């Protein structure tokens, strides 16, 4: 059961990153990492795309 939750969170994060303009190769890297993707990976990618990470939800920074 925990694996399904991990994949649901990963799928949600990938779709959110796609909405903010992540490149296909970046999304593929997250998908390949699978259950080993950490919140640190998500946070790094969020900063790269000008967003804040708050509780597995991307929040665009003001002025972007």
C-alpha atoms as a PDB file:
ATOM      1  CA  UNK A   1       0.000   0.000   0.000  1.00  0.00           C
ATOM      2  CA  UNK A   2       2.789   2.465   0.780  1.00  0.00           C
ATOM      3  CA  UNK A   3       4.237   2.017  -2.704  1.00  0.00           C
ATOM      4  CA  UNK A   4       0.975   3.188  -4.240  1.00  0.00           C
ATOM      5  CA  UNK A   5       1.004   6.323  -2.102  1.00  0.00           C
ATOM      6  CA  UNK A   6       4.584   7.072  -3.131  1.00  0.00           C
ATOM      7  CA  UNK A   7       3.689   6.733  -6.793  1.00  0.00           C
ATOM      8  CA  UNK A   8       0.574   8.881  -6.348  1.00  0.00           C
ATOM      9  CA  UNK A   9       2.663  11.664  -4.784  1.00  0.00           C
ATOM     10  CA  UNK A  10       5.306  11.315  -7.505  1.00  0.00           C
ATOM     11  CA  UNK A  11       2.662  11.497 -10.247  1.00  0.00           C
ATOM     12  CA  UNK A  12       1.129  14.559  -8.645  1.00  0.00           C
ATOM     13  CA  UNK A  13       4.511  16.295  -8.409  1.00  0.00           C
ATOM     14  CA  UNK A  14       5.389  15.454 -12.009  1.00  0.00           C
ATOM     15  CA  UNK A  15       2.100  16.937 -13.241  1.00  0.00           C
ATOM     16  CA  UNK A  16       2.628  20.085 -11.141  1.00  0.00           C
ATOM     17  CA  UNK A  17       6.135  20.517 -12.515  1.00  0.00           C
ATOM     18  CA  UNK A  18       4.803  20.050 -16.046  1.00  0.00           C
ATOM     19  CA  UNK A  19       2.340  22.883 -15.402  1.00  0.00           C
ATOM     20  CA  UNK A  20       5.094  25.297 -14.321  1.00  0.00           C
ATOM     21  CA  UNK A  21       7.191  24.549 -17.397  1.00  0.00           C
ATOM     22  CA  UNK A  22       9.605  21.750 -16.511  1.00  0.00           C
ATOM     23  CA  UNK A  23      11.390  20.186 -19.465  1.00  0.00           C
ATOM     24  CA  UNK A  24      10.478  16.621 -20.480  1.00  0.00           C
ATOM     25  CA  UNK A  25      13.948  15.355 -19.558  1.00  0.00           C
ATOM     26  CA  UNK A  26      13.555  16.753 -16.020  1.00  0.00           C
ATOM     27  CA  UNK A  27      10.227  14.994 -15.620  1.00  0.00           C
ATOM     28  CA  UNK A  28      11.734  11.773 -16.947  1.00  0.00           C
ATOM     29  CA  UNK A  29      14.521  11.951 -14.359  1.00  0.00           C
ATOM     30  CA  UNK A  30      11.963  12.182 -11.558  1.00  0.00           C
ATOM     31  CA  UNK A  31       9.986   9.279 -12.997  1.00  0.00           C
ATOM     32  CA  UNK A  32      13.122   7.151 -13.285  1.00  0.00           C
ATOM     33  CA  UNK A  33      14.001   7.856  -9.668  1.00  0.00           C
ATOM     34  CA  UNK A  34      10.578   6.552  -8.698  1.00  0.00           C
ATOM     35  CA  UNK A  35      10.114   5.845  -4.996  1.00  0.00           C
ATOM     36  CA  UNK A  36      13.659   7.027  -4.305  1.00  0.00           C
ATOM     37  CA  UNK A  37      12.788  10.634  -5.197  1.00  0.00           C
ATOM     38  CA  UNK A  38      13.060  12.763  -2.070  1.00  0.00           C
ATOM     39  CA  UNK A  39      11.570  16.052  -0.990  1.00  0.00           C
ATOM     40  CA  UNK A  40      15.040  17.520  -1.509  1.00  0.00           C
ATOM     41  CA  UNK A  41      14.812  16.566  -5.215  1.00  0.00           C
ATOM     42  CA  UNK A  42      11.398  18.223  -5.436  1.00  0.00           C
ATOM     43  CA  UNK A  43      12.639  21.349  -3.642  1.00  0.00           C
ATOM     44  CA  UNK A  44      15.666  21.718  -5.923  1.00  0.00           C
ATOM     45  CA  UNK A  45      13.477  21.458  -8.978  1.00  0.00           C
ATOM     46  CA  UNK A  46      10.953  23.921  -7.519  1.00  0.00           C
ATOM     47  CA  UNK A  47      13.685  26.509  -6.961  1.00  0.00           C
ATOM     48  CA  UNK A  48      14.937  25.964 -10.507  1.00  0.00           C
ATOM     49  CA  UNK A  49      11.456  26.826 -11.804  1.00  0.00           C
ATOM     50  CA  UNK A  50      10.817  29.767  -9.473  1.00  0.00           C
ATOM     51  CA  UNK A  51       8.363  28.111  -7.088  1.00  0.00           C
ATOM     52  CA  UNK A  52       8.115  27.413  -3.376  1.00  0.00           C
ATOM     53  CA  UNK A  53       7.467  23.894  -2.090  1.00  0.00           C
ATOM     54  CA  UNK A  54       4.775  23.810   0.556  1.00  0.00           C
ATOM     55  CA  UNK A  55       3.404  20.436   1.550  1.00  0.00           C
ATOM     56  CA  UNK A  56       3.857  18.750  -1.829  1.00  0.00           C
ATOM     57  CA  UNK A  57       2.228  21.679  -3.582  1.00  0.00           C
ATOM     58  CA  UNK A  58       4.074  24.134  -5.820  1.00  0.00           C
ATOM     59  CA  UNK A  59       3.347  27.762  -5.066  1.00  0.00           C
ATOM     60  CA  UNK A  60       4.621  30.293  -7.646  1.00  0.00           C
ATOM     61  CA  UNK A  61       6.687  33.055  -6.062  1.00  0.00           C
ATOM     62  CA  UNK A  62       5.293  36.563  -6.225  1.00  0.00           C
ATOM     63  CA  UNK A  63       6.295  38.464  -9.322  1.00  0.00           C
ATOM     64  CA  UNK A  64       6.657  35.362 -11.500  1.00  0.00           C
END
